[in-house]
Amino acid sequence: MSQVLVRDLKADVVAPLKARAKRHGHSLQTELKEILETASRHGVVDGRALADQNRRQLTGRAHTDSVDLLAEDRARWACM
């Protein structure tokens, strides 16, 4: 297996990665390995193709603005 060394990462980059690793129950090394493996499998082209597919599937459907739905829900809870 190959090894990669990344030098001079800023603390504000490493801290969220450590927190993410902790949330997932992983070491920082394991978390970074999973991030890199996922990134290597799913490129920008794949993401764009998936977005295009989703847009085609949703074409012609009516969509409600989530702001309106949230306001209705908050009003309902305010009455309780």
Protein backbone atom coordinates (compact mmCIF):
# COMPACT_ATOMS: atom_id res chain seq x y z
CA MET A 1 0.00 0.00 0.00
CA SER A 2 1.12 3.53 -0.69
CA GLN A 3 1.65 6.20 1.91
CA VAL A 4 1.05 9.92 1.58
CA LEU A 5 2.42 12.65 3.82
CA VAL A 6 0.74 16.04 3.87
CA ARG A 7 2.78 18.78 5.53
CA ASP A 8 1.90 22.17 6.92
CA LEU A 9 -1.86 21.82 7.33
CA LYS A 10 -3.33 24.70 9.27
CA ALA A 11 -4.98 24.00 12.62
CA ASP A 12 -8.32 25.30 11.30
CA VAL A 13 -8.21 22.54 8.68
CA VAL A 14 -7.17 19.75 11.01
CA ALA A 15 -9.54 20.55 13.90
CA PRO A 16 -12.80 19.92 11.97
CA LEU A 17 -11.32 16.74 10.50
CA LYS A 18 -10.48 15.49 13.99
CA ALA A 19 -14.01 16.33 15.16
CA ARG A 20 -15.47 14.51 12.17
CA ALA A 21 -13.31 11.47 12.89
CA LYS A 22 -14.45 11.48 16.51
CA ARG A 23 -18.13 11.68 15.49
CA HIS A 24 -17.63 8.66 13.23
CA GLY A 25 -15.67 6.76 15.87
CA HIS A 26 -12.51 6.77 13.75
CA SER A 27 -8.94 7.85 14.15
CA LEU A 28 -7.91 10.88 12.13
CA GLN A 29 -5.90 8.60 9.84
CA THR A 30 -8.88 6.32 9.19
CA GLU A 31 -11.17 9.29 8.54
CA LEU A 32 -8.73 10.83 6.08
CA LYS A 33 -8.29 7.50 4.32
CA GLU A 34 -12.07 7.17 3.87
CA ILE A 35 -12.36 10.74 2.60
CA LEU A 36 -9.61 10.19 0.04
CA GLU A 37 -10.99 6.83 -1.08
CA THR A 38 -14.46 8.32 -1.57
CA ALA A 39 -13.07 11.34 -3.42
CA SER A 40 -11.07 9.11 -5.73
CA ARG A 41 -14.18 7.13 -6.69
CA HIS A 42 -16.54 10.07 -7.19
CA GLY A 43 -15.18 12.82 -9.36
CA VAL A 44 -16.74 16.12 -10.37
CA VAL A 45 -17.99 14.56 -13.60
CA ASP A 46 -19.93 11.91 -11.65
CA GLY A 47 -21.48 14.60 -9.46
CA ARG A 48 -22.55 16.68 -12.43
CA ALA A 49 -24.04 13.65 -14.16
CA LEU A 50 -26.01 12.79 -11.02
CA ALA A 51 -27.23 16.39 -10.69
CA ASP A 52 -28.35 16.39 -14.34
CA GLN A 53 -30.18 13.10 -13.81
CA ASN A 54 -31.96 14.50 -10.74
CA ARG A 55 -32.98 17.64 -12.63
CA ARG A 56 -34.46 15.57 -15.45
CA GLN A 57 -36.41 13.42 -12.99
CA LEU A 58 -37.81 16.49 -11.22
CA THR A 59 -38.70 18.46 -14.36
CA GLY A 60 -42.34 19.51 -14.42
CA ARG A 61 -43.02 18.82 -10.74
CA ALA A 62 -44.30 21.52 -8.43
CA HIS A 63 -41.97 22.30 -5.57
CA THR A 64 -42.94 24.04 -2.36
CA ASP A 65 -40.58 26.58 -0.86
CA SER A 66 -39.25 25.10 2.39
CA VAL A 67 -39.49 28.55 4.04
CA ASP A 68 -43.27 28.38 3.74
CA LEU A 69 -43.35 24.86 5.18
CA LEU A 70 -41.17 25.86 8.12
CA ALA A 71 -43.35 28.90 8.85
CA GLU A 72 -46.48 26.71 8.85
CA ASP A 73 -44.84 24.21 11.17
CA ARG A 74 -43.67 26.91 13.60
CA ALA A 75 -47.14 28.47 13.63
CA ARG A 76 -48.67 25.08 14.39
CA TRP A 77 -46.28 24.52 17.31
CA ALA A 78 -46.86 28.06 18.63
CA CYS A 79 -50.54 27.25 19.09
CA MET A 80 -49.82 24.26 21.30
